[in-house]
């Protein structure tokens, strides 16, 4: 059973697409709990698990870290919080981070290139 300290089942049901905490990887949940704790700010999830079918239907590859429960997109619209989230994500060991205007993507997918930071 996947557990999280700061993230409840209802938060995953509000993600786009809706999913479950049980779709996620425990190591990822431990890391985003640590990120939340050390950042000291609420983290709202925009997206977490996505099925391969959903991903493909949206014109994506169907092979993202989201399809394995290894990624989340964290809502963020303030530049101060954006910097804080990225800095703390690096400190807690995330080495795959994507930065957009409205969210920060973090994942732990070891099958994808490591030590990368990208923009959308």
PDB file of N, CA and C in Angstrom:
ATOM      1  N   UNK A   1       0.830  -1.182   0.000  1.00  0.00           N
ATOM      2  CA  UNK A   1       0.000   0.000   0.000  1.00  0.00           C
ATOM      3  C   UNK A   1       0.880   1.254   0.000  1.00  0.00           C
ATOM      4  N   UNK A   2       0.639   2.143  -0.949  1.00  0.00           N
ATOM      5  CA  UNK A   2       1.402   3.379  -1.065  1.00  0.00           C
ATOM      6  C   UNK A   2       0.879   4.371  -0.028  1.00  0.00           C
ATOM      7  N   UNK A   3       1.826   5.015   0.678  1.00  0.00           N
ATOM      8  CA  UNK A   3       1.460   5.964   1.722  1.00  0.00           C
ATOM      9  C   UNK A   3       2.144   7.308   1.481  1.00  0.00           C
ATOM     10  N   UNK A   4       1.520   8.360   1.981  1.00  0.00           N
ATOM     11  CA  UNK A   4       2.094   9.699   1.901  1.00  0.00           C
ATOM     12  C   UNK A   4       1.739  10.459   3.163  1.00  0.00           C
ATOM     13  N   UNK A   5       2.659  11.296   3.603  1.00  0.00           N
ATOM     14  CA  UNK A   5       2.440  12.102   4.804  1.00  0.00           C
ATOM     15  C   UNK A   5       1.594  13.336   4.491  1.00  0.00           C
ATOM     16  N   UNK A   6       1.886  14.004   3.385  1.00  0.00           N
ATOM     17  CA  UNK A   6       1.244  15.278   3.079  1.00  0.00           C
ATOM     18  C   UNK A   6       0.183  15.217   1.984  1.00  0.00           C
ATOM     19  N   UNK A   7       0.090  14.114   1.275  1.00  0.00           N
ATOM     20  CA  UNK A   7      -0.797  14.041   0.113  1.00  0.00           C
ATOM     21  C   UNK A   7      -1.880  12.997   0.353  1.00  0.00           C
ATOM     22  N   UNK A   8      -3.118  13.423   0.231  1.00  0.00           N
ATOM     23  CA  UNK A   8      -4.276  12.564   0.469  1.00  0.00           C
ATOM     24  C   UNK A   8      -4.850  12.051  -0.846  1.00  0.00           C
ATOM     25  N   UNK A   9      -5.599  10.989  -0.755  1.00  0.00           N
ATOM     26  CA  UNK A   9      -6.226  10.374  -1.932  1.00  0.00           C
ATOM     27  C   UNK A   9      -7.031  11.392  -2.752  1.00  0.00           C
ATOM     28  N   UNK A  10      -7.762  12.256  -2.078  1.00  0.00           N
ATOM     29  CA  UNK A  10      -8.610  13.236  -2.782  1.00  0.00           C
ATOM     30  C   UNK A  10      -7.793  14.146  -3.691  1.00  0.00           C
ATOM     31  N   UNK A  11      -6.547  14.426  -3.332  1.00  0.00           N
ATOM     32  CA  UNK A  11      -5.702  15.274  -4.173  1.00  0.00           C
ATOM     33  C   UNK A  11      -5.397  14.606  -5.509  1.00  0.00           C
ATOM     34  N   UNK A  12      -5.259  13.310  -5.500  1.00  0.00           N
ATOM     35  CA  UNK A  12      -4.973  12.578  -6.739  1.00  0.00           C
ATOM     36  C   UNK A  12      -6.222  12.498  -7.606  1.00  0.00           C
ATOM     37  N   UNK A  13      -7.365  12.425  -6.973  1.00  0.00           N
ATOM     38  CA  UNK A  13      -8.620  12.387  -7.720  1.00  0.00           C
ATOM     39  C   UNK A  13      -8.896  13.717  -8.409  1.00  0.00           C
ATOM     40  N   UNK A  14      -8.316  14.825  -7.891  1.00  0.00           N
ATOM     41  CA  UNK A  14      -8.482  16.140  -8.517  1.00  0.00           C
ATOM     42  C   UNK A  14      -7.454  16.399  -9.606  1.00  0.00           C
ATOM     43  N   UNK A  15      -6.468  15.531  -9.756  1.00  0.00           N
ATOM     44  CA  UNK A  15      -5.454  15.701 -10.796  1.00  0.00           C
ATOM     45  C   UNK A  15      -6.093  15.552 -12.174  1.00  0.00           C
ATOM     46  N   UNK A  16      -5.383  16.028 -13.176  1.00  0.00           N
ATOM     47  CA  UNK A  16      -5.834  15.840 -14.553  1.00  0.00           C
ATOM     48  C   UNK A  16      -4.801  14.974 -15.268  1.00  0.00           C
ATOM     49  N   UNK A  17      -5.147  13.739 -15.606  1.00  0.00           N
ATOM     50  CA  UNK A  17      -6.413  13.058 -15.347  1.00  0.00           C
ATOM     51  C   UNK A  17      -6.485  12.568 -13.897  1.00  0.00           C
ATOM     52  N   UNK A  18      -7.682  12.287 -13.463  1.00  0.00           N
ATOM     53  CA  UNK A  18      -7.897  11.763 -12.125  1.00  0.00           C
ATOM     54  C   UNK A  18      -7.141  10.445 -11.965  1.00  0.00           C
ATOM     55  N   UNK A  19      -6.556  10.244 -10.791  1.00  0.00           N
ATOM     56  CA  UNK A  19      -5.834   8.993 -10.531  1.00  0.00           C
ATOM     57  C   UNK A  19      -5.942   8.683  -9.049  1.00  0.00           C
ATOM     58  N   UNK A  20      -5.127   7.768  -8.579  1.00  0.00           N
ATOM     59  CA  UNK A  20      -5.148   7.347  -7.185  1.00  0.00           C
ATOM     60  C   UNK A  20      -3.744   7.392  -6.604  1.00  0.00           C
ATOM     61  N   UNK A  21      -3.648   7.611  -5.321  1.00  0.00           N
ATOM     62  CA  UNK A  21      -2.362   7.510  -4.630  1.00  0.00           C
ATOM     63  C   UNK A  21      -1.748   6.140  -4.897  1.00  0.00           C
ATOM     64  N   UNK A  22      -2.571   5.127  -5.020  1.00  0.00           N
ATOM     65  CA  UNK A  22      -2.083   3.764  -5.239  1.00  0.00           C
ATOM     66  C   UNK A  22      -1.479   3.559  -6.637  1.00  0.00           C
ATOM     67  N   UNK A  23      -1.660   4.518  -7.532  1.00  0.00           N
ATOM     68  CA  UNK A  23      -1.022   4.459  -8.852  1.00  0.00           C
ATOM     69  C   UNK A  23       0.427   4.923  -8.810  1.00  0.00           C
ATOM     70  N   UNK A  24       0.813   5.512  -7.682  1.00  0.00           N
ATOM     71  CA  UNK A  24       2.118   6.152  -7.581  1.00  0.00           C
ATOM     72  C   UNK A  24       3.171   5.213  -7.003  1.00  0.00           C
ATOM     73  N   UNK A  25       4.423   5.552  -7.239  1.00  0.00           N
ATOM     74  CA  UNK A  25       5.566   4.818  -6.719  1.00  0.00           C
ATOM     75  C   UNK A  25       5.889   5.319  -5.305  1.00  0.00           C
ATOM     76  N   UNK A  26       6.164   4.422  -4.374  1.00  0.00           N
ATOM     77  CA  UNK A  26       6.424   4.819  -2.984  1.00  0.00           C
ATOM     78  C   UNK A  26       7.670   5.700  -2.870  1.00  0.00           C
ATOM     79  N   UNK A  27       8.718   5.393  -3.603  1.00  0.00           N
ATOM     80  CA  UNK A  27       9.930   6.224  -3.542  1.00  0.00           C
ATOM     81  C   UNK A  27       9.620   7.666  -3.959  1.00  0.00           C
ATOM     82  N   UNK A  28       8.819   7.824  -5.009  1.00  0.00           N
ATOM     83  CA  UNK A  28       8.432   9.178  -5.438  1.00  0.00           C
ATOM     84  C   UNK A  28       7.648   9.875  -4.335  1.00  0.00           C
ATOM     85  N   UNK A  29       6.697   9.171  -3.736  1.00  0.00           N
ATOM     86  CA  UNK A  29       5.884   9.789  -2.685  1.00  0.00           C
ATOM     87  C   UNK A  29       6.757  10.201  -1.494  1.00  0.00           C
ATOM     88  N   UNK A  30       7.732   9.373  -1.141  1.00  0.00           N
ATOM     89  CA  UNK A  30       8.641   9.732  -0.051  1.00  0.00           C
ATOM     90  C   UNK A  30       9.402  11.007  -0.396  1.00  0.00           C
ATOM     91  N   UNK A  31       9.842  11.115  -1.645  1.00  0.00           N
ATOM     92  CA  UNK A  31      10.601  12.290  -2.072  1.00  0.00           C
ATOM     93  C   UNK A  31       9.730  13.553  -2.123  1.00  0.00           C
ATOM     94  N   UNK A  32       8.494  13.444  -2.608  1.00  0.00           N
ATOM     95  CA  UNK A  32       7.690  14.677  -2.652  1.00  0.00           C
ATOM     96  C   UNK A  32       7.184  15.053  -1.256  1.00  0.00           C
ATOM     97  N   UNK A  33       7.049  14.078  -0.362  1.00  0.00           N
ATOM     98  CA  UNK A  33       6.765  14.415   1.037  1.00  0.00           C
ATOM     99  C   UNK A  33       7.940  15.201   1.627  1.00  0.00           C
ATOM    100  N   UNK A  34       9.153  14.742   1.356  1.00  0.00           N
ATOM    101  CA  UNK A  34      10.348  15.439   1.843  1.00  0.00           C
ATOM    102  C   UNK A  34      10.448  16.832   1.217  1.00  0.00           C
ATOM    103  N   UNK A  35      10.154  16.926  -0.071  1.00  0.00           N
ATOM    104  CA  UNK A  35      10.149  18.221  -0.758  1.00  0.00           C
ATOM    105  C   UNK A  35       9.160  19.172  -0.086  1.00  0.00           C
ATOM    106  N   UNK A  36       7.957  18.691   0.174  1.00  0.00           N
ATOM    107  CA  UNK A  36       6.925  19.504   0.824  1.00  0.00           C
ATOM    108  C   UNK A  36       7.385  19.963   2.207  1.00  0.00           C
ATOM    109  N   UNK A  37       7.949  19.040   2.970  1.00  0.00           N
ATOM    110  CA  UNK A  37       8.384  19.361   4.326  1.00  0.00           C
ATOM    111  C   UNK A  37       9.494  20.402   4.324  1.00  0.00           C
ATOM    112  N   UNK A  38      10.500  20.222   3.488  1.00  0.00           N
ATOM    113  CA  UNK A  38      11.649  21.124   3.473  1.00  0.00           C
ATOM    114  C   UNK A  38      11.336  22.455   2.800  1.00  0.00           C
ATOM    115  N   UNK A  39      10.428  22.471   1.830  1.00  0.00           N
ATOM    116  CA  UNK A  39      10.053  23.734   1.176  1.00  0.00           C
ATOM    117  C   UNK A  39       9.205  24.590   2.115  1.00  0.00           C
ATOM    118  N   UNK A  40       8.446  23.943   2.980  1.00  0.00           N
ATOM    119  CA  UNK A  40       7.637  24.670   3.940  1.00  0.00           C
ATOM    120  C   UNK A  40       6.442  25.396   3.339  1.00  0.00           C
ATOM    121  N   UNK A  41       6.028  24.959   2.158  1.00  0.00           N
ATOM    122  CA  UNK A  41       4.853  25.549   1.505  1.00  0.00           C
ATOM    123  C   UNK A  41       3.951  24.419   1.013  1.00  0.00           C
ATOM    124  N   UNK A  42       2.653  24.665   0.911  1.00  0.00           N
ATOM    125  CA  UNK A  42       1.764  23.628   0.362  1.00  0.00           C
ATOM    126  C   UNK A  42       2.140  23.315  -1.087  1.00  0.00           C
ATOM    127  N   UNK A  43       2.051  22.065  -1.452  1.00  0.00           N
ATOM    128  CA  UNK A  43       2.280  21.655  -2.840  1.00  0.00           C
ATOM    129  C   UNK A  43       0.972  21.071  -3.362  1.00  0.00           C
ATOM    130  N   UNK A  44       0.446  21.668  -4.423  1.00  0.00           N
ATOM    131  CA  UNK A  44      -0.787  21.201  -5.039  1.00  0.00           C
ATOM    132  C   UNK A  44      -0.419  20.482  -6.326  1.00  0.00           C
ATOM    133  N   UNK A  45      -0.922  19.265  -6.482  1.00  0.00           N
ATOM    134  CA  UNK A  45      -0.604  18.466  -7.662  1.00  0.00           C
ATOM    135  C   UNK A  45      -1.587  18.761  -8.792  1.00  0.00           C
ATOM    136  N   UNK A  46      -1.045  19.108  -9.958  1.00  0.00           N
ATOM    137  CA  UNK A  46      -1.860  19.269 -11.167  1.00  0.00           C
ATOM    138  C   UNK A  46      -2.054  17.930 -11.863  1.00  0.00           C
ATOM    139  N   UNK A  47      -0.984  17.146 -11.873  1.00  0.00           N
ATOM    140  CA  UNK A  47      -0.988  15.884 -12.609  1.00  0.00           C
ATOM    141  C   UNK A  47      -0.060  14.907 -11.905  1.00  0.00           C
ATOM    142  N   UNK A  48      -0.454  13.644 -11.918  1.00  0.00           N
ATOM    143  CA  UNK A  48       0.374  12.600 -11.323  1.00  0.00           C
ATOM    144  C   UNK A  48       0.395  11.421 -12.310  1.00  0.00           C
ATOM    145  N   UNK A  49      -0.233  10.312 -11.951  1.00  0.00           N
ATOM    146  CA  UNK A  49      -0.268   9.157 -12.857  1.00  0.00           C
ATOM    147  C   UNK A  49      -1.150   9.451 -14.073  1.00  0.00           C
ATOM    148  N   UNK A  50      -0.666   9.019 -15.235  1.00  0.00           N
ATOM    149  CA  UNK A  50      -1.440   9.082 -16.482  1.00  0.00           C
ATOM    150  C   UNK A  50      -1.321   7.724 -17.163  1.00  0.00           C
ATOM    151  N   UNK A  51      -2.425   7.164 -17.590  1.00  0.00           N
ATOM    152  CA  UNK A  51      -2.346   5.887 -18.305  1.00  0.00           C
ATOM    153  C   UNK A  51      -1.677   6.109 -19.664  1.00  0.00           C
ATOM    154  N   UNK A  52      -1.116   5.048 -20.210  1.00  0.00           N
ATOM    155  CA  UNK A  52      -0.506   5.132 -21.544  1.00  0.00           C
ATOM    156  C   UNK A  52      -1.541   5.579 -22.574  1.00  0.00           C
ATOM    157  N   UNK A  53      -2.762   5.064 -22.452  1.00  0.00           N
ATOM    158  CA  UNK A  53      -3.835   5.429 -23.384  1.00  0.00           C
ATOM    159  C   UNK A  53      -4.143   6.914 -23.301  1.00  0.00           C
ATOM    160  N   UNK A  54      -4.268   7.441 -22.097  1.00  0.00           N
ATOM    161  CA  UNK A  54      -4.544   8.864 -21.922  1.00  0.00           C
ATOM    162  C   UNK A  54      -3.426   9.696 -22.534  1.00  0.00           C
ATOM    163  N   UNK A  55      -2.199   9.292 -22.250  1.00  0.00           N
ATOM    164  CA  UNK A  55      -1.026   9.995 -22.767  1.00  0.00           C
ATOM    165  C   UNK A  55      -1.043  10.008 -24.305  1.00  0.00           C
ATOM    166  N   UNK A  56      -1.285   8.858 -24.912  1.00  0.00           N
ATOM    167  CA  UNK A  56      -1.326   8.761 -26.372  1.00  0.00           C
ATOM    168  C   UNK A  56      -2.469   9.579 -26.961  1.00  0.00           C
ATOM    169  N   UNK A  57      -3.627   9.550 -26.304  1.00  0.00           N
ATOM    170  CA  UNK A  57      -4.779  10.328 -26.774  1.00  0.00           C
ATOM    171  C   UNK A  57      -4.505  11.825 -26.782  1.00  0.00           C
ATOM    172  N   UNK A  58      -3.575  12.281 -25.936  1.00  0.00           N
ATOM    173  CA  UNK A  58      -3.215  13.696 -25.872  1.00  0.00           C
ATOM    174  C   UNK A  58      -2.053  14.030 -26.808  1.00  0.00           C
ATOM    175  N   UNK A  59      -1.670  13.066 -27.656  1.00  0.00           N
ATOM    176  CA  UNK A  59      -0.597  13.309 -28.613  1.00  0.00           C
ATOM    177  C   UNK A  59       0.795  13.164 -28.034  1.00  0.00           C
ATOM    178  N   UNK A  60       0.889  12.543 -26.873  1.00  0.00           N
ATOM    179  CA  UNK A  60       2.187  12.323 -26.241  1.00  0.00           C
ATOM    180  C   UNK A  60       2.710  10.938 -26.614  1.00  0.00           C
ATOM    181  N   UNK A  61       3.881  10.598 -26.117  1.00  0.00           N
ATOM    182  CA  UNK A  61       4.542   9.349 -26.491  1.00  0.00           C
ATOM    183  C   UNK A  61       3.927   8.102 -25.860  1.00  0.00           C
ATOM    184  N   UNK A  62       3.237   8.251 -24.739  1.00  0.00           N
ATOM    185  CA  UNK A  62       2.716   7.098 -24.024  1.00  0.00           C
ATOM    186  C   UNK A  62       3.772   6.431 -23.167  1.00  0.00           C
ATOM    187  N   UNK A  63       4.940   7.037 -23.074  1.00  0.00           N
ATOM    188  CA  UNK A  63       6.051   6.440 -22.340  1.00  0.00           C
ATOM    189  C   UNK A  63       6.701   7.429 -21.372  1.00  0.00           C
ATOM    190  N   UNK A  64       5.922   8.357 -20.842  1.00  0.00           N
ATOM    191  CA  UNK A  64       6.503   9.329 -19.906  1.00  0.00           C
ATOM    192  C   UNK A  64       6.611   8.721 -18.513  1.00  0.00           C
ATOM    193  N   UNK A  65       7.342   9.384 -17.655  1.00  0.00           N
ATOM    194  CA  UNK A  65       7.469   8.954 -16.264  1.00  0.00           C
ATOM    195  C   UNK A  65       6.104   8.934 -15.572  1.00  0.00           C
ATOM    196  N   UNK A  66       5.185   9.780 -16.034  1.00  0.00           N
ATOM    197  CA  UNK A  66       3.834   9.794 -15.458  1.00  0.00           C
ATOM    198  C   UNK A  66       3.142   8.440 -15.658  1.00  0.00           C
ATOM    199  N   UNK A  67       3.397   7.764 -16.768  1.00  0.00           N
ATOM    200  CA  UNK A  67       2.713   6.504 -17.065  1.00  0.00           C
ATOM    201  C   UNK A  67       3.207   5.350 -16.187  1.00  0.00           C
ATOM    202  N   UNK A  68       4.257   5.591 -15.433  1.00  0.00           N
ATOM    203  CA  UNK A  68       4.782   4.583 -14.520  1.00  0.00           C
ATOM    204  C   UNK A  68       4.614   5.004 -13.054  1.00  0.00           C
ATOM    205  N   UNK A  69       3.902   6.117 -12.822  1.00  0.00           N
ATOM    206  CA  UNK A  69       3.705   6.599 -11.458  1.00  0.00           C
ATOM    207  C   UNK A  69       4.958   7.173 -10.840  1.00  0.00           C
ATOM    208  N   UNK A  70       5.869   7.636 -11.704  1.00  0.00           N
ATOM    209  CA  UNK A  70       7.167   8.129 -11.246  1.00  0.00           C
ATOM    210  C   UNK A  70       7.306   9.642 -11.360  1.00  0.00           C
ATOM    211  N   UNK A  71       6.208  10.366 -11.636  1.00  0.00           N
ATOM    212  CA  UNK A  71       6.289  11.811 -11.851  1.00  0.00           C
ATOM    213  C   UNK A  71       5.049  12.514 -11.325  1.00  0.00           C
ATOM    214  N   UNK A  72       5.250  13.766 -10.934  1.00  0.00           N
ATOM    215  CA  UNK A  72       4.135  14.658 -10.602  1.00  0.00           C
ATOM    216  C   UNK A  72       4.428  16.036 -11.167  1.00  0.00           C
ATOM    217  N   UNK A  73       3.353  16.768 -11.447  1.00  0.00           N
ATOM    218  CA  UNK A  73       3.446  18.185 -11.804  1.00  0.00           C
ATOM    219  C   UNK A  73       2.845  18.961 -10.642  1.00  0.00           C
ATOM    220  N   UNK A  74       3.624  19.881 -10.094  1.00  0.00           N
ATOM    221  CA  UNK A  74       3.232  20.660  -8.928  1.00  0.00           C
ATOM    222  C   UNK A  74       2.829  22.061  -9.382  1.00  0.00           C
ATOM    223  N   UNK A  75       1.604  22.463  -9.055  1.00  0.00           N
ATOM    224  CA  UNK A  75       1.124  23.796  -9.431  1.00  0.00           C
ATOM    225  C   UNK A  75       2.029  24.861  -8.834  1.00  0.00           C
ATOM    226  N   UNK A  76       2.357  25.861  -9.650  1.00  0.00           N
ATOM    227  CA  UNK A  76       3.199  26.947  -9.169  1.00  0.00           C
ATOM    228  C   UNK A  76       3.034  28.155 -10.087  1.00  0.00           C
ATOM    229  N   UNK A  77       2.660  29.295  -9.507  1.00  0.00           N
ATOM    230  CA  UNK A  77       2.499  30.495 -10.330  1.00  0.00           C
ATOM    231  C   UNK A  77       3.323  31.675  -9.820  1.00  0.00           C
ATOM    232  N   UNK A  78       3.989  31.512  -8.708  1.00  0.00           N
ATOM    233  CA  UNK A  78       4.803  32.585  -8.150  1.00  0.00           C
ATOM    234  C   UNK A  78       6.280  32.287  -8.400  1.00  0.00           C
ATOM    235  N   UNK A  79       7.019  33.285  -8.833  1.00  0.00           N
ATOM    236  CA  UNK A  79       8.439  33.055  -9.118  1.00  0.00           C
ATOM    237  C   UNK A  79       9.216  32.707  -7.849  1.00  0.00           C
ATOM    238  N   UNK A  80       8.827  33.273  -6.720  1.00  0.00           N
ATOM    239  CA  UNK A  80       9.508  32.953  -5.460  1.00  0.00           C
ATOM    240  C   UNK A  80       9.290  31.484  -5.090  1.00  0.00           C
ATOM    241  N   UNK A  81       8.054  30.998  -5.213  1.00  0.00           N
ATOM    242  CA  UNK A  81       7.783  29.585  -4.922  1.00  0.00           C
ATOM    243  C   UNK A  81       8.422  28.676  -5.960  1.00  0.00           C
ATOM    244  N   UNK A  82       8.460  29.127  -7.207  1.00  0.00           N
ATOM    245  CA  UNK A  82       9.086  28.328  -8.267  1.00  0.00           C
ATOM    246  C   UNK A  82      10.554  28.082  -7.926  1.00  0.00           C
ATOM    247  N   UNK A  83      11.259  29.136  -7.531  1.00  0.00           N
ATOM    248  CA  UNK A  83      12.664  28.997  -7.155  1.00  0.00           C
ATOM    249  C   UNK A  83      12.808  28.091  -5.936  1.00  0.00           C
ATOM    250  N   UNK A  84      11.964  28.285  -4.932  1.00  0.00           N
ATOM    251  CA  UNK A  84      12.038  27.479  -3.713  1.00  0.00           C
ATOM    252  C   UNK A  84      11.818  25.996  -4.038  1.00  0.00           C
ATOM    253  N   UNK A  85      10.808  25.692  -4.846  1.00  0.00           N
ATOM    254  CA  UNK A  85      10.515  24.294  -5.191  1.00  0.00           C
ATOM    255  C   UNK A  85      11.687  23.671  -5.937  1.00  0.00           C
ATOM    256  N   UNK A  86      12.238  24.383  -6.917  1.00  0.00           N
ATOM    257  CA  UNK A  86      13.362  23.832  -7.684  1.00  0.00           C
ATOM    258  C   UNK A  86      14.583  23.637  -6.785  1.00  0.00           C
ATOM    259  N   UNK A  87      14.911  24.619  -5.966  1.00  0.00           N
ATOM    260  CA  UNK A  87      16.074  24.494  -5.081  1.00  0.00           C
ATOM    261  C   UNK A  87      15.934  23.307  -4.132  1.00  0.00           C
ATOM    262  N   UNK A  88      14.774  23.175  -3.523  1.00  0.00           N
ATOM    263  CA  UNK A  88      14.569  22.080  -2.571  1.00  0.00           C
ATOM    264  C   UNK A  88      14.492  20.744  -3.304  1.00  0.00           C
ATOM    265  N   UNK A  89      13.895  20.714  -4.477  1.00  0.00           N
ATOM    266  CA  UNK A  89      13.832  19.469  -5.256  1.00  0.00           C
ATOM    267  C   UNK A  89      15.238  18.936  -5.524  1.00  0.00           C
ATOM    268  N   UNK A  90      16.139  19.820  -5.878  1.00  0.00           N
ATOM    269  CA  UNK A  90      17.530  19.407  -6.116  1.00  0.00           C
ATOM    270  C   UNK A  90      18.150  18.890  -4.820  1.00  0.00           C
ATOM    271  N   UNK A  91      17.922  19.600  -3.706  1.00  0.00           N
ATOM    272  CA  UNK A  91      18.492  19.189  -2.416  1.00  0.00           C
ATOM    273  C   UNK A  91      18.006  17.817  -1.976  1.00  0.00           C
ATOM    274  N   UNK A  92      16.749  17.469  -2.264  1.00  0.00           N
ATOM    275  CA  UNK A  92      16.237  16.173  -1.821  1.00  0.00           C
ATOM    276  C   UNK A  92      16.532  15.057  -2.821  1.00  0.00           C
ATOM    277  N   UNK A  93      17.192  15.393  -3.920  1.00  0.00           N
ATOM    278  CA  UNK A  93      17.671  14.358  -4.826  1.00  0.00           C
ATOM    279  C   UNK A  93      16.949  14.202  -6.145  1.00  0.00           C
ATOM    280  N   UNK A  94      16.018  15.091  -6.476  1.00  0.00           N
ATOM    281  CA  UNK A  94      15.419  15.022  -7.807  1.00  0.00           C
ATOM    282  C   UNK A  94      16.456  15.463  -8.824  1.00  0.00           C
ATOM    283  N   UNK A  95      16.643  14.675  -9.858  1.00  0.00           N
ATOM    284  CA  UNK A  95      17.600  15.059 -10.903  1.00  0.00           C
ATOM    285  C   UNK A  95      16.937  15.093 -12.284  1.00  0.00           C
ATOM    286  N   UNK A  96      15.605  15.151 -12.284  1.00  0.00           N
ATOM    287  CA  UNK A  96      14.818  15.365 -13.504  1.00  0.00           C
ATOM    288  C   UNK A  96      13.722  16.372 -13.151  1.00  0.00           C
ATOM    289  N   UNK A  97      13.911  17.609 -13.605  1.00  0.00           N
ATOM    290  CA  UNK A  97      13.003  18.695 -13.240  1.00  0.00           C
ATOM    291  C   UNK A  97      12.644  19.489 -14.490  1.00  0.00           C
ATOM    292  N   UNK A  98      11.349  19.725 -14.667  1.00  0.00           N
ATOM    293  CA  UNK A  98      10.866  20.562 -15.764  1.00  0.00           C
ATOM    294  C   UNK A  98      10.165  21.775 -15.196  1.00  0.00           C
ATOM    295  N   UNK A  99      10.412  22.943 -15.777  1.00  0.00           N
ATOM    296  CA  UNK A  99       9.854  24.185 -15.260  1.00  0.00           C
ATOM    297  C   UNK A  99       8.956  24.830 -16.319  1.00  0.00           C
ATOM    298  N   UNK A 100       7.714  25.078 -15.939  1.00  0.00           N
ATOM    299  CA  UNK A 100       6.751  25.765 -16.807  1.00  0.00           C
ATOM    300  C   UNK A 100       6.253  27.010 -16.076  1.00  0.00           C
ATOM    301  N   UNK A 101       5.481  27.825 -16.760  1.00  0.00           N
ATOM    302  CA  UNK A 101       4.925  29.017 -16.114  1.00  0.00           C
ATOM    303  C   UNK A 101       3.995  28.672 -14.969  1.00  0.00           C
ATOM    304  N   UNK A 102       3.259  27.568 -15.090  1.00  0.00           N
ATOM    305  CA  UNK A 102       2.234  27.259 -14.097  1.00  0.00           C
ATOM    306  C   UNK A 102       2.495  25.995 -13.278  1.00  0.00           C
ATOM    307  N   UNK A 103       3.589  25.303 -13.538  1.00  0.00           N
ATOM    308  CA  UNK A 103       3.877  24.092 -12.766  1.00  0.00           C
ATOM    309  C   UNK A 103       5.354  23.739 -12.814  1.00  0.00           C
ATOM    310  N   UNK A 104       5.741  22.871 -11.871  1.00  0.00           N
ATOM    311  CA  UNK A 104       7.081  22.270 -11.827  1.00  0.00           C
ATOM    312  C   UNK A 104       6.885  20.763 -11.930  1.00  0.00           C
ATOM    313  N   UNK A 105       7.549  20.140 -12.889  1.00  0.00           N
ATOM    314  CA  UNK A 105       7.522  18.685 -13.046  1.00  0.00           C
ATOM    315  C   UNK A 105       8.738  18.132 -12.308  1.00  0.00           C
ATOM    316  N   UNK A 106       8.529  17.077 -11.504  1.00  0.00           N
ATOM    317  CA  UNK A 106       9.639  16.332 -10.904  1.00  0.00           C
ATOM    318  C   UNK A 106       9.372  14.853 -11.126  1.00  0.00           C
ATOM    319  N   UNK A 107      10.439  14.116 -11.418  1.00  0.00           N
ATOM    320  CA  UNK A 107      10.273  12.667 -11.548  1.00  0.00           C
ATOM    321  C   UNK A 107      11.540  11.941 -11.154  1.00  0.00           C
ATOM    322  N   UNK A 108      11.390  10.637 -10.958  1.00  0.00           N
ATOM    323  CA  UNK A 108      12.509   9.787 -10.533  1.00  0.00           C
ATOM    324  C   UNK A 108      12.715   8.634 -11.512  1.00  0.00           C
ATOM    325  N   UNK A 109      12.344   8.825 -12.756  1.00  0.00           N
ATOM    326  CA  UNK A 109      12.426   7.758 -13.751  1.00  0.00           C
ATOM    327  C   UNK A 109      13.876   7.541 -14.186  1.00  0.00           C
ATOM    328  N   UNK A 110      14.462   6.461 -13.722  1.00  0.00           N
ATOM    329  CA  UNK A 110      15.867   6.170 -14.018  1.00  0.00           C
ATOM    330  C   UNK A 110      16.087   5.680 -15.451  1.00  0.00           C
ATOM    331  N   UNK A 111      14.999   5.377 -16.178  1.00  0.00           N
ATOM    332  CA  UNK A 111      15.135   4.935 -17.570  1.00  0.00           C
ATOM    333  C   UNK A 111      15.273   6.122 -18.531  1.00  0.00           C
ATOM    334  N   UNK A 112      15.124   7.333 -18.000  1.00  0.00           N
ATOM    335  CA  UNK A 112      15.213   8.551 -18.812  1.00  0.00           C
ATOM    336  C   UNK A 112      16.493   9.301 -18.456  1.00  0.00           C
ATOM    337  N   UNK A 113      16.945  10.231 -19.314  1.00  0.00           N
ATOM    338  CA  UNK A 113      18.185  10.963 -19.028  1.00  0.00           C
ATOM    339  C   UNK A 113      18.165  11.600 -17.634  1.00  0.00           C
ATOM    340  N   UNK A 114      19.309  11.531 -16.967  1.00  0.00           N
ATOM    341  CA  UNK A 114      19.440  12.028 -15.595  1.00  0.00           C
ATOM    342  C   UNK A 114      20.158  13.380 -15.572  1.00  0.00           C
ATOM    343  N   UNK A 115      20.036  14.072 -14.444  1.00  0.00           N
ATOM    344  CA  UNK A 115      20.688  15.369 -14.234  1.00  0.00           C
ATOM    345  C   UNK A 115      20.298  16.362 -15.319  1.00  0.00           C
ATOM    346  N   UNK A 116      18.977  16.513 -15.480  1.00  0.00           N
ATOM    347  CA  UNK A 116      18.450  17.425 -16.493  1.00  0.00           C
ATOM    348  C   UNK A 116      17.429  18.377 -15.887  1.00  0.00           C
ATOM    349  N   UNK A 117      17.400  19.577 -16.413  1.00  0.00           N
ATOM    350  CA  UNK A 117      16.435  20.613 -16.060  1.00  0.00           C
ATOM    351  C   UNK A 117      15.972  21.208 -17.377  1.00  0.00           C
ATOM    352  N   UNK A 118      14.671  21.194 -17.605  1.00  0.00           N
ATOM    353  CA  UNK A 118      14.169  21.706 -18.879  1.00  0.00           C
ATOM    354  C   UNK A 118      13.023  22.677 -18.643  1.00  0.00           C
ATOM    355  N   UNK A 119      12.681  23.391 -19.701  1.00  0.00           N
ATOM    356  CA  UNK A 119      11.547  24.312 -19.662  1.00  0.00           C
ATOM    357  C   UNK A 119      10.513  23.853 -20.682  1.00  0.00           C
ATOM    358  N   UNK A 120       9.282  24.317 -20.489  1.00  0.00           N
ATOM    359  CA  UNK A 120       8.197  23.992 -21.402  1.00  0.00           C
ATOM    360  C   UNK A 120       7.842  25.224 -22.211  1.00  0.00           C
TER     361      UNK A 120
END
